[in-house]
Amino acid sequence: MSYYEKEEVDFIKRSYQIVEEYIKEKKENEKYEVTLLINFLFGISICIKNNWLENFKSTSIDELLLDTHGISKSDLTIHNENVKNLKDLIWALRNGICHWNDSRALTDYDGKKLKGIIFEENDKGNIGSILIQGTLNHKHSVDIKFINSDNLKTFIYFLQNNI
């Protein structure tokens, strides 16, 4: 019998606990929260893609951004009308993170080169917004922008609580 009951769920729960412990015990000068959140998003997007992606097909983007989940249109912007539901969004996020600074470079159907992840500084010199450039169906570029790390954390926690 395995130590884990369901490896993917345990992985997500443990990753969540690591982020929570870090945030709770973070020292003043430490700046690893966004790194942990990106790692968590990477892990959870792969687990979801491999196991539960179809479960997210029924959640429309409009429903996600109604602010009922702590996520609003001002917190998360998605630049592509082809992203119709949470399944599409997770797929694009996964592609952007997996191919971040890939030497083969992600390109969309117009040949636009995508960087994967772009961190934008705030006025304090810290990471402000996080832009993830992914693709949908290997042809449509999708820019997904989290206004700050708190919005990224809220989105990840939403995913974690809905698997």
Protein backbone atom coordinates (compact mmCIF):
# COMPACT_ATOMS: atom_id res chain seq x y z
CA MET A 1 0.00 0.00 0.00
CA SER A 2 1.26 3.44 -0.89
CA TYR A 3 2.04 6.08 1.70
CA TYR A 4 -0.09 8.46 -0.34
CA GLU A 5 -3.78 7.85 -0.85
CA LYS A 6 -3.91 9.86 -4.05
CA GLU A 7 -0.52 11.21 -5.08
CA GLU A 8 -1.74 14.20 -7.10
CA VAL A 9 -4.09 15.46 -4.39
CA ASP A 10 -1.43 14.95 -1.72
CA PHE A 11 1.09 16.83 -3.87
CA ILE A 12 -1.27 19.78 -4.19
CA LYS A 13 -2.14 19.78 -0.48
CA ARG A 14 1.54 19.63 0.53
CA SER A 15 2.46 22.39 -1.91
CA TYR A 16 -0.34 24.52 -0.46
CA GLN A 17 0.99 23.88 3.06
CA ILE A 18 4.51 24.91 2.04
CA VAL A 19 3.24 28.22 0.65
CA GLU A 20 1.12 28.84 3.75
CA GLU A 21 4.02 28.07 6.11
CA TYR A 22 6.35 30.34 4.17
CA ILE A 23 3.89 33.23 4.21
CA LYS A 24 3.24 32.79 7.91
CA GLU A 25 6.92 32.61 8.90
CA LYS A 26 8.44 34.85 6.21
CA LYS A 27 11.21 37.13 7.39
CA GLU A 28 11.03 40.80 6.49
CA ASN A 29 13.68 40.80 3.74
CA GLU A 30 12.75 37.48 2.13
CA LYS A 31 11.19 37.76 -1.30
CA TYR A 32 10.44 34.19 -2.34
CA GLU A 33 6.64 34.27 -2.18
CA VAL A 34 6.16 34.78 -5.93
CA THR A 35 8.68 32.02 -6.68
CA LEU A 36 6.74 29.63 -4.47
CA LEU A 37 3.44 30.69 -6.02
CA ILE A 38 4.73 30.17 -9.58
CA ASN A 39 6.08 26.74 -8.58
CA PHE A 40 2.72 25.90 -7.03
CA LEU A 41 0.85 27.13 -10.12
CA PHE A 42 3.18 25.06 -12.30
CA GLY A 43 2.57 21.92 -10.25
CA ILE A 44 -1.16 22.35 -9.89
CA SER A 45 -1.64 23.19 -13.59
CA ILE A 46 0.14 19.98 -14.59
CA CYS A 47 -1.84 17.89 -12.10
CA ILE A 48 -5.09 19.47 -13.28
CA LYS A 49 -4.20 19.01 -16.95
CA ASN A 50 -3.38 15.35 -16.43
CA ASN A 51 -6.27 14.48 -14.11
CA TRP A 52 -9.09 16.99 -13.82
CA LEU A 53 -8.99 19.40 -16.77
CA GLU A 54 -12.44 18.41 -18.04
CA ASN A 55 -13.90 19.29 -14.60
CA PHE A 56 -13.08 22.95 -15.26
CA LYS A 57 -14.75 23.12 -18.68
CA SER A 58 -18.09 24.21 -17.22
CA THR A 59 -16.68 27.22 -15.32
CA SER A 60 -16.86 30.19 -17.67
CA ILE A 61 -14.36 33.03 -17.40
CA ASP A 62 -17.22 35.44 -16.70
CA GLU A 63 -18.33 33.23 -13.80
CA LEU A 64 -14.76 33.03 -12.48
CA LEU A 65 -14.39 36.81 -12.54
CA LEU A 66 -17.68 37.62 -10.80
CA ASP A 67 -15.73 38.29 -7.60
CA THR A 68 -17.55 35.42 -5.87
CA HIS A 69 -14.27 33.53 -5.67
CA GLY A 70 -12.21 36.50 -4.51
CA ILE A 71 -11.09 37.14 -8.09
CA SER A 72 -12.38 40.15 -10.00
CA LYS A 73 -11.90 41.59 -13.47
CA SER A 74 -9.54 44.20 -12.05
CA ASP A 75 -7.33 41.50 -10.45
CA LEU A 76 -6.86 39.26 -13.48
CA THR A 77 -6.86 40.27 -17.11
CA ILE A 78 -7.00 37.79 -19.98
CA HIS A 79 -6.19 39.01 -23.48
CA ASN A 80 -7.75 36.54 -25.87
CA GLU A 81 -11.38 36.02 -26.75
CA ASN A 82 -10.74 32.32 -27.43
CA VAL A 83 -10.38 31.66 -23.68
CA LYS A 84 -13.97 30.68 -22.93
CA ASN A 85 -13.65 28.74 -19.69
CA LEU A 86 -11.36 27.83 -16.84
CA LYS A 87 -10.12 24.79 -18.74
CA ASP A 88 -8.78 27.05 -21.52
CA LEU A 89 -7.20 29.38 -18.98
CA ILE A 90 -5.44 26.55 -17.13
CA TRP A 91 -4.17 25.14 -20.43
CA ALA A 92 -2.75 28.53 -21.49
CA LEU A 93 -1.15 29.09 -18.06
CA ARG A 94 0.41 25.64 -18.15
CA ASN A 95 1.85 26.27 -21.63
CA GLY A 96 3.26 29.66 -20.63
CA ILE A 97 4.95 28.32 -17.50
CA CYS A 98 6.21 25.07 -19.07
CA HIS A 99 7.83 26.91 -21.98
CA TRP A 100 9.19 29.87 -20.01
CA ASN A 101 12.38 31.01 -21.73
CA ASP A 102 12.38 27.81 -23.78
CA SER A 103 15.14 28.01 -26.38
CA ARG A 104 12.59 26.90 -29.00
CA ALA A 105 10.43 29.88 -27.96
CA LEU A 106 6.68 29.68 -27.90
CA THR A 107 5.11 31.31 -30.90
CA ASP A 108 1.49 31.91 -31.73
CA TYR A 109 -0.14 31.46 -35.13
CA ASP A 110 1.10 34.89 -36.25
CA GLY A 111 4.69 34.00 -35.34
CA LYS A 112 4.72 36.28 -32.30
CA LYS A 113 7.40 35.09 -29.87
CA LEU A 114 6.15 34.67 -26.33
CA LYS A 115 8.34 34.89 -23.23
CA GLY A 116 6.26 32.66 -20.96
CA ILE A 117 6.51 34.67 -17.74
CA ILE A 118 7.25 38.37 -17.33
CA PHE A 119 7.65 39.89 -13.89
CA GLU A 120 6.94 43.61 -13.69
CA GLU A 121 8.42 45.72 -10.90
CA ASN A 122 6.33 47.89 -8.64
CA ASP A 123 7.42 51.29 -7.35
CA LYS A 124 9.18 49.65 -4.36
CA GLY A 125 11.43 47.55 -6.58
CA ASN A 126 9.57 44.34 -5.78
CA ILE A 127 7.64 42.10 -8.13
CA GLY A 128 4.39 43.85 -8.88
CA SER A 129 2.33 42.23 -11.60
CA ILE A 130 2.93 38.85 -13.17
CA LEU A 131 2.24 38.36 -16.88
CA ILE A 132 2.07 34.81 -18.18
CA GLN A 133 2.10 34.42 -21.96
CA GLY A 134 0.79 31.06 -23.07
CA THR A 135 -0.88 29.51 -26.06
CA LEU A 136 -4.24 27.88 -26.57
CA ASN A 137 -4.56 25.05 -29.08
CA HIS A 138 -0.94 25.68 -30.10
CA LYS A 139 -1.90 28.75 -32.09
CA HIS A 140 -3.66 31.48 -30.14
CA SER A 141 -1.46 33.58 -27.86
CA VAL A 142 -2.99 34.34 -24.48
CA ASP A 143 -1.71 37.03 -22.11
CA ILE A 144 -2.82 36.45 -18.53
CA LYS A 145 -1.92 39.18 -16.08
CA PHE A 146 -2.18 38.96 -12.32
CA ILE A 147 -2.11 42.47 -10.86
CA ASN A 148 -0.06 41.34 -7.85
CA SER A 149 1.04 38.25 -5.94
CA ASP A 150 -2.07 38.33 -3.74
CA ASN A 151 -4.24 37.92 -6.84
CA LEU A 152 -2.07 35.05 -8.03
CA LYS A 153 -2.36 33.45 -4.59
CA THR A 154 -6.16 33.84 -4.59
CA PHE A 155 -6.39 32.22 -8.03
CA ILE A 156 -4.15 29.30 -7.01
CA TYR A 157 -6.12 28.76 -3.81
CA PHE A 158 -9.33 28.77 -5.87
CA LEU A 159 -7.89 26.02 -8.09
CA GLN A 160 -6.65 24.04 -5.12
CA ASN A 161 -10.04 24.17 -3.45
CA ASN A 162 -11.86 23.06 -6.62
CA ILE A 163 -10.06 19.89 -7.63
